[in-house]
Amino acid sequence: LAGNPKLAEIGLSQSMGSMEGKEVRFGIAQSAL
């Protein structure tokens, strides 16, 4: 959920958390679980 600060520094929003490698339909909660 905290995301990647290095990606935030180059302007990529981390408001949804670290979504790299994840399915949007599952999101952070179901991916972490």
All heavy atoms as atom14 arrays in JSON, in Angstrom:
{
  "sequence": "LAGNPKLAEIGLSQSMGSMEGKEVRFGIAQSAL",
  "atom14_mask": [
    [1, 1, 1, 1, 1, 1, 1, 1, 0, 0, 0, 0, 0, 0],
    [1, 1, 1, 1, 1, 0, 0, 0, 0, 0, 0, 0, 0, 0],
    [1, 1, 1, 1, 0, 0, 0, 0, 0, 0, 0, 0, 0, 0],
    [1, 1, 1, 1, 1, 1, 1, 1, 0, 0, 0, 0, 0, 0],
    [1, 1, 1, 1, 1, 1, 1, 0, 0, 0, 0, 0, 0, 0],
    [1, 1, 1, 1, 1, 1, 1, 1, 1, 0, 0, 0, 0, 0],
    [1, 1, 1, 1, 1, 1, 1, 1, 0, 0, 0, 0, 0, 0],
    [1, 1, 1, 1, 1, 0, 0, 0, 0, 0, 0, 0, 0, 0],
    [1, 1, 1, 1, 1, 1, 1, 1, 1, 0, 0, 0, 0, 0],
    [1, 1, 1, 1, 1, 1, 1, 1, 0, 0, 0, 0, 0, 0],
    [1, 1, 1, 1, 0, 0, 0, 0, 0, 0, 0, 0, 0, 0],
    [1, 1, 1, 1, 1, 1, 1, 1, 0, 0, 0, 0, 0, 0],
    [1, 1, 1, 1, 1, 1, 0, 0, 0, 0, 0, 0, 0, 0],
    [1, 1, 1, 1, 1, 1, 1, 1, 1, 0, 0, 0, 0, 0],
    [1, 1, 1, 1, 1, 1, 0, 0, 0, 0, 0, 0, 0, 0],
    [1, 1, 1, 1, 1, 1, 1, 1, 0, 0, 0, 0, 0, 0],
    [1, 1, 1, 1, 0, 0, 0, 0, 0, 0, 0, 0, 0, 0],
    [1, 1, 1, 1, 1, 1, 0, 0, 0, 0, 0, 0, 0, 0],
    [1, 1, 1, 1, 1, 1, 1, 1, 0, 0, 0, 0, 0, 0],
    [1, 1, 1, 1, 1, 1, 1, 1, 1, 0, 0, 0, 0, 0],
    [1, 1, 1, 1, 0, 0, 0, 0, 0, 0, 0, 0, 0, 0],
    [1, 1, 1, 1, 1, 1, 1, 1, 1, 0, 0, 0, 0, 0],
    [1, 1, 1, 1, 1, 1, 1, 1, 1, 0, 0, 0, 0, 0],
    [1, 1, 1, 1, 1, 1, 1, 0, 0, 0, 0, 0, 0, 0],
    [1, 1, 1, 1, 1, 1, 1, 1, 1, 1, 1, 0, 0, 0],
    [1, 1, 1, 1, 1, 1, 1, 1, 1, 1, 1, 0, 0, 0],
    [1, 1, 1, 1, 0, 0, 0, 0, 0, 0, 0, 0, 0, 0],
    [1, 1, 1, 1, 1, 1, 1, 1, 0, 0, 0, 0, 0, 0],
    [1, 1, 1, 1, 1, 0, 0, 0, 0, 0, 0, 0, 0, 0],
    [1, 1, 1, 1, 1, 1, 1, 1, 1, 0, 0, 0, 0, 0],
    [1, 1, 1, 1, 1, 1, 0, 0, 0, 0, 0, 0, 0, 0],
    [1, 1, 1, 1, 1, 0, 0, 0, 0, 0, 0, 0, 0, 0],
    [1, 1, 1, 1, 1, 1, 1, 1, 0, 0, 0, 0, 0, 0]
  ],
  "atom14_positions": [
    [[0.82, -1.21, 0.0], [0.0, 0.0, 0.0], [0.86, 1.26, 0.0], [0.48, 2.29, -0.57], [-0.92, -0.01, 1.22], [-2.13, 0.93, 1.19], [-3.08, 0.56, 0.06], [-2.87, 0.88, 2.53], [0.0, 0.0, 0.0], [0.0, 0.0, 0.0], [0.0, 0.0, 0.0], [0.0, 0.0, 0.0], [0.0, 0.0, 0.0], [0.0, 0.0, 0.0]],
    [[2.04, 1.18, 0.63], [2.93, 2.35, 0.7], [3.55, 2.7, -0.65], [3.94, 3.84, -0.89], [4.04, 2.1, 1.73], [0.0, 0.0, 0.0], [0.0, 0.0, 0.0], [0.0, 0.0, 0.0], [0.0, 0.0, 0.0], [0.0, 0.0, 0.0], [0.0, 0.0, 0.0], [0.0, 0.0, 0.0], [0.0, 0.0, 0.0], [0.0, 0.0, 0.0]],
    [[3.64, 1.71, -1.54], [4.18, 1.99, -2.87], [5.69, 2.05, -2.89], [6.38, 1.66, -1.94], [0.0, 0.0, 0.0], [0.0, 0.0, 0.0], [0.0, 0.0, 0.0], [0.0, 0.0, 0.0], [0.0, 0.0, 0.0], [0.0, 0.0, 0.0], [0.0, 0.0, 0.0], [0.0, 0.0, 0.0], [0.0, 0.0, 0.0], [0.0, 0.0, 0.0]],
    [[6.21, 2.57, -3.98], [7.66, 2.66, -4.2], [8.06, 4.12, -4.29], [7.68, 4.83, -5.23], [8.03, 1.93, -5.5], [9.53, 1.81, -5.68], [10.31, 2.66, -5.24], [9.94, 0.76, -6.35], [0.0, 0.0, 0.0], [0.0, 0.0, 0.0], [0.0, 0.0, 0.0], [0.0, 0.0, 0.0], [0.0, 0.0, 0.0], [0.0, 0.0, 0.0]],
    [[8.82, 4.65, -3.32], [9.17, 6.08, -3.34], [10.02, 6.48, -4.54], [9.98, 7.63, -4.98], [9.93, 6.27, -2.03], [10.43, 4.91, -1.68], [9.4, 3.96, -2.16], [0.0, 0.0, 0.0], [0.0, 0.0, 0.0], [0.0, 0.0, 0.0], [0.0, 0.0, 0.0], [0.0, 0.0, 0.0], [0.0, 0.0, 0.0], [0.0, 0.0, 0.0]],
    [[10.8, 5.53, -5.09], [11.63, 5.85, -6.25], [10.76, 6.14, -7.48], [11.09, 7.02, -8.28], [12.58, 4.68, -6.54], [13.59, 4.42, -5.45], [14.51, 5.6, -5.23], [15.56, 5.31, -4.18], [16.44, 6.47, -3.9], [0.0, 0.0, 0.0], [0.0, 0.0, 0.0], [0.0, 0.0, 0.0], [0.0, 0.0, 0.0], [0.0, 0.0, 0.0]],
    [[9.65, 5.43, -7.6], [8.73, 5.7, -8.71], [7.99, 7.01, -8.49], [7.71, 7.75, -9.44], [7.74, 4.56, -8.86], [8.31, 3.19, -9.26], [7.2, 2.15, -9.36], [9.04, 3.3, -10.59], [0.0, 0.0, 0.0], [0.0, 0.0, 0.0], [0.0, 0.0, 0.0], [0.0, 0.0, 0.0], [0.0, 0.0, 0.0], [0.0, 0.0, 0.0]],
    [[7.68, 7.32, -7.23], [7.01, 8.59, -6.92], [7.92, 9.77, -7.27], [7.45, 10.83, -7.71], [6.61, 8.63, -5.46], [0.0, 0.0, 0.0], [0.0, 0.0, 0.0], [0.0, 0.0, 0.0], [0.0, 0.0, 0.0], [0.0, 0.0, 0.0], [0.0, 0.0, 0.0], [0.0, 0.0, 0.0], [0.0, 0.0, 0.0], [0.0, 0.0, 0.0]],
    [[9.24, 9.6, -7.08], [10.18, 10.69, -7.36], [10.22, 11.06, -8.84], [10.51, 12.2, -9.18], [11.58, 10.28, -6.89], [11.73, 10.2, -5.37], [13.1, 9.69, -4.97], [13.94, 9.48, -5.87], [13.34, 9.49, -3.76], [0.0, 0.0, 0.0], [0.0, 0.0, 0.0], [0.0, 0.0, 0.0], [0.0, 0.0, 0.0], [0.0, 0.0, 0.0]],
    [[9.93, 10.09, -9.7], [9.98, 10.39, -11.14], [8.58, 10.7, -11.69], [8.38, 10.73, -12.91], [10.61, 9.22, -11.93], [9.79, 7.93, -11.76], [12.04, 9.0, -11.49], [10.31, 6.77, -12.62], [0.0, 0.0, 0.0], [0.0, 0.0, 0.0], [0.0, 0.0, 0.0], [0.0, 0.0, 0.0], [0.0, 0.0, 0.0], [0.0, 0.0, 0.0]],
    [[7.63, 10.91, -10.77], [6.32, 11.4, -11.18], [5.25, 10.35, -11.39], [4.15, 10.67, -11.85], [0.0, 0.0, 0.0], [0.0, 0.0, 0.0], [0.0, 0.0, 0.0], [0.0, 0.0, 0.0], [0.0, 0.0, 0.0], [0.0, 0.0, 0.0], [0.0, 0.0, 0.0], [0.0, 0.0, 0.0], [0.0, 0.0, 0.0], [0.0, 0.0, 0.0]],
    [[5.53, 9.08, -11.06], [4.51, 8.04, -11.18], [3.72, 7.96, -9.88], [4.28, 7.71, -8.81], [5.17, 6.68, -11.49], [5.91, 6.58, -12.83], [6.55, 5.22, -12.98], [4.95, 6.83, -13.99], [0.0, 0.0, 0.0], [0.0, 0.0, 0.0], [0.0, 0.0, 0.0], [0.0, 0.0, 0.0], [0.0, 0.0, 0.0], [0.0, 0.0, 0.0]],
    [[2.42, 8.18, -9.96], [1.59, 8.21, -8.77], [1.58, 6.85, -8.06], [1.46, 5.8, -8.69], [0.15, 8.59, -9.14], [-0.7, 8.47, -8.01], [0.0, 0.0, 0.0], [0.0, 0.0, 0.0], [0.0, 0.0, 0.0], [0.0, 0.0, 0.0], [0.0, 0.0, 0.0], [0.0, 0.0, 0.0], [0.0, 0.0, 0.0], [0.0, 0.0, 0.0]],
    [[1.72, 6.9, -6.74], [1.66, 5.69, -5.92], [0.44, 5.73, -4.99], [0.42, 5.08, -3.95], [2.94, 5.57, -5.09], [4.21, 5.41, -5.92], [4.23, 4.09, -6.66], [4.41, 3.03, -6.07], [4.05, 4.15, -7.98], [0.0, 0.0, 0.0], [0.0, 0.0, 0.0], [0.0, 0.0, 0.0], [0.0, 0.0, 0.0], [0.0, 0.0, 0.0]],
    [[-0.58, 6.5, -5.38], [-1.76, 6.64, -4.53], [-2.52, 5.32, -4.38], [-3.2, 5.08, -3.37], [-2.7, 7.71, -5.11], [-3.12, 7.35, -6.42], [0.0, 0.0, 0.0], [0.0, 0.0, 0.0], [0.0, 0.0, 0.0], [0.0, 0.0, 0.0], [0.0, 0.0, 0.0], [0.0, 0.0, 0.0], [0.0, 0.0, 0.0], [0.0, 0.0, 0.0]],
    [[-2.43, 4.43, -5.39], [-3.07, 3.12, -5.3], [-2.16, 2.07, -4.69], [-2.53, 0.91, -4.55], [-3.5, 2.65, -6.7], [-4.6, 3.48, -7.34], [-5.01, 2.88, -8.99], [-5.53, 1.2, -8.66], [0.0, 0.0, 0.0], [0.0, 0.0, 0.0], [0.0, 0.0, 0.0], [0.0, 0.0, 0.0], [0.0, 0.0, 0.0], [0.0, 0.0, 0.0]],
    [[-0.94, 2.48, -4.31], [0.03, 1.53, -3.82], [0.89, 1.02, -4.96], [0.84, 1.52, -6.09], [0.0, 0.0, 0.0], [0.0, 0.0, 0.0], [0.0, 0.0, 0.0], [0.0, 0.0, 0.0], [0.0, 0.0, 0.0], [0.0, 0.0, 0.0], [0.0, 0.0, 0.0], [0.0, 0.0, 0.0], [0.0, 0.0, 0.0], [0.0, 0.0, 0.0]],
    [[1.7, 0.0, -4.68], [2.57, -0.58, -5.7], [1.77, -1.57, -6.54], [1.55, -2.71, -6.14], [3.76, -1.29, -5.03], [4.57, -1.91, -6.0], [0.0, 0.0, 0.0], [0.0, 0.0, 0.0], [0.0, 0.0, 0.0], [0.0, 0.0, 0.0], [0.0, 0.0, 0.0], [0.0, 0.0, 0.0], [0.0, 0.0, 0.0], [0.0, 0.0, 0.0]],
    [[1.35, -1.13, -7.72], [0.51, -1.97, -8.58], [1.32, -2.71, -9.63], [0.75, -3.42, -10.47], [-0.56, -1.12, -9.26], [-1.68, -0.67, -8.33], [-2.62, -2.06, -7.67], [-3.39, -2.71, -9.15], [0.0, 0.0, 0.0], [0.0, 0.0, 0.0], [0.0, 0.0, 0.0], [0.0, 0.0, 0.0], [0.0, 0.0, 0.0], [0.0, 0.0, 0.0]],
    [[2.64, -2.59, -9.62], [3.46, -3.3, -10.59], [3.28, -4.81, -10.4], [3.39, -5.34, -9.29], [4.93, -2.93, -10.41], [5.84, -3.62, -11.43], [7.31, -3.37, -11.16], [7.63, -2.71, -10.16], [8.15, -3.85, -11.95], [0.0, 0.0, 0.0], [0.0, 0.0, 0.0], [0.0, 0.0, 0.0], [0.0, 0.0, 0.0], [0.0, 0.0, 0.0]],
    [[2.99, -5.52, -11.48], [2.86, -6.96, -11.42], [1.56, -7.46, -10.83], [1.42, -8.65, -10.55], [0.0, 0.0, 0.0], [0.0, 0.0, 0.0], [0.0, 0.0, 0.0], [0.0, 0.0, 0.0], [0.0, 0.0, 0.0], [0.0, 0.0, 0.0], [0.0, 0.0, 0.0], [0.0, 0.0, 0.0], [0.0, 0.0, 0.0], [0.0, 0.0, 0.0]],
    [[0.58, -6.57, -10.65], [-0.68, -6.96, -10.03], [-1.83, -6.75, -11.01], [-1.78, -5.89, -11.88], [-0.94, -6.15, -8.75], [0.09, -6.37, -7.66], [-0.21, -5.54, -6.43], [0.81, -5.79, -5.34], [2.16, -5.4, -5.72], [0.0, 0.0, 0.0], [0.0, 0.0, 0.0], [0.0, 0.0, 0.0], [0.0, 0.0, 0.0], [0.0, 0.0, 0.0]],
    [[-2.88, -7.54, -10.84], [-4.1, -7.39, -11.61], [-4.93, -6.26, -11.01], [-5.19, -6.25, -9.79], [-4.9, -8.69, -11.58], [-4.37, -9.77, -12.51], [-4.7, -9.47, -13.96], [-5.9, -9.38, -14.29], [-3.76, -9.35, -14.76], [0.0, 0.0, 0.0], [0.0, 0.0, 0.0], [0.0, 0.0, 0.0], [0.0, 0.0, 0.0], [0.0, 0.0, 0.0]],
    [[-5.38, -5.33, -11.84], [-6.19, -4.21, -11.36], [-7.49, -4.72, -10.75], [-8.0, -4.15, -9.77], [-6.48, -3.22, -12.52], [-7.4, -2.1, -12.05], [-5.18, -2.64, -13.05], [0.0, 0.0, 0.0], [0.0, 0.0, 0.0], [0.0, 0.0, 0.0], [0.0, 0.0, 0.0], [0.0, 0.0, 0.0], [0.0, 0.0, 0.0], [0.0, 0.0, 0.0]],
    [[-8.03, -5.82, -11.28], [-9.3, -6.34, -10.77], [-9.17, -6.9, -9.36], [-10.18, -7.07, -8.67], [-9.84, -7.42, -11.71], [-8.91, -8.58, -11.95], [-9.25, -9.33, -13.25], [-8.21, -10.27, -13.58], [-8.36, -11.59, -13.48], [-9.5, -12.09, -13.05], [-7.37, -12.39, -13.78], [0.0, 0.0, 0.0], [0.0, 0.0, 0.0], [0.0, 0.0, 0.0]],
    [[-7.94, -7.19, -8.89], [-7.76, -7.68, -7.53], [-7.22, -6.6, -6.6], [-7.57, -6.55, -5.42], [-6.81, -8.89, -7.52], [-7.31, -10.05, -8.32], [-6.46, -10.8, -9.1], [-8.66, -10.4, -8.3], [-6.92, -11.87, -9.84], [-9.13, -11.47, -9.04], [-8.26, -12.21, -9.81], [0.0, 0.0, 0.0], [0.0, 0.0, 0.0], [0.0, 0.0, 0.0]],
    [[-6.36, -5.73, -7.12], [-5.85, -4.63, -6.31], [-4.89, -5.08, -5.23], [-4.47, -6.22, -5.16], [0.0, 0.0, 0.0], [0.0, 0.0, 0.0], [0.0, 0.0, 0.0], [0.0, 0.0, 0.0], [0.0, 0.0, 0.0], [0.0, 0.0, 0.0], [0.0, 0.0, 0.0], [0.0, 0.0, 0.0], [0.0, 0.0, 0.0], [0.0, 0.0, 0.0]],
    [[-4.55, -4.14, -4.33], [-3.57, -4.39, -3.28], [-4.1, -5.41, -2.27], [-3.39, -6.34, -1.87], [-3.2, -3.08, -2.55], [-2.51, -2.11, -3.51], [-2.31, -3.37, -1.35], [-1.18, -2.6, -4.03], [0.0, 0.0, 0.0], [0.0, 0.0, 0.0], [0.0, 0.0, 0.0], [0.0, 0.0, 0.0], [0.0, 0.0, 0.0], [0.0, 0.0, 0.0]],
    [[-5.35, -5.26, -1.85], [-5.88, -6.1, -0.77], [-5.87, -7.58, -1.15], [-5.3, -8.41, -0.43], [-7.3, -5.65, -0.41], [0.0, 0.0, 0.0], [0.0, 0.0, 0.0], [0.0, 0.0, 0.0], [0.0, 0.0, 0.0], [0.0, 0.0, 0.0], [0.0, 0.0, 0.0], [0.0, 0.0, 0.0], [0.0, 0.0, 0.0], [0.0, 0.0, 0.0]],
    [[-6.5, -7.92, -2.27], [-6.56, -9.33, -2.65], [-5.2, -9.87, -3.08], [-4.92, -11.06, -2.91], [-7.58, -9.52, -3.78], [-9.03, -9.38, -3.34], [-9.44, -10.47, -2.36], [-9.11, -11.64, -2.53], [-10.18, -10.1, -1.32], [0.0, 0.0, 0.0], [0.0, 0.0, 0.0], [0.0, 0.0, 0.0], [0.0, 0.0, 0.0], [0.0, 0.0, 0.0]],
    [[-4.34, -9.02, -3.61], [-3.0, -9.46, -3.99], [-2.16, -9.78, -2.76], [-1.47, -10.8, -2.7], [-2.31, -8.39, -4.84], [-3.0, -8.18, -6.07], [0.0, 0.0, 0.0], [0.0, 0.0, 0.0], [0.0, 0.0, 0.0], [0.0, 0.0, 0.0], [0.0, 0.0, 0.0], [0.0, 0.0, 0.0], [0.0, 0.0, 0.0], [0.0, 0.0, 0.0]],
    [[-2.21, -8.88, -1.76], [-1.45, -9.12, -0.52], [-1.98, -10.34, 0.22], [-1.2, -11.14, 0.75], [-1.52, -7.88, 0.37], [0.0, 0.0, 0.0], [0.0, 0.0, 0.0], [0.0, 0.0, 0.0], [0.0, 0.0, 0.0], [0.0, 0.0, 0.0], [0.0, 0.0, 0.0], [0.0, 0.0, 0.0], [0.0, 0.0, 0.0], [0.0, 0.0, 0.0]],
    [[-3.3, -10.5, 0.25], [-3.89, -11.66, 0.92], [-3.5, -12.94, 0.2], [-3.12, -13.94, 0.84], [-5.41, -11.51, 0.97], [-6.18, -12.65, 1.65], [-5.74, -12.82, 3.09], [-7.69, -12.4, 1.57], [0.0, 0.0, 0.0], [0.0, 0.0, 0.0], [0.0, 0.0, 0.0], [0.0, 0.0, 0.0], [0.0, 0.0, 0.0], [0.0, 0.0, 0.0]]
  ]
}
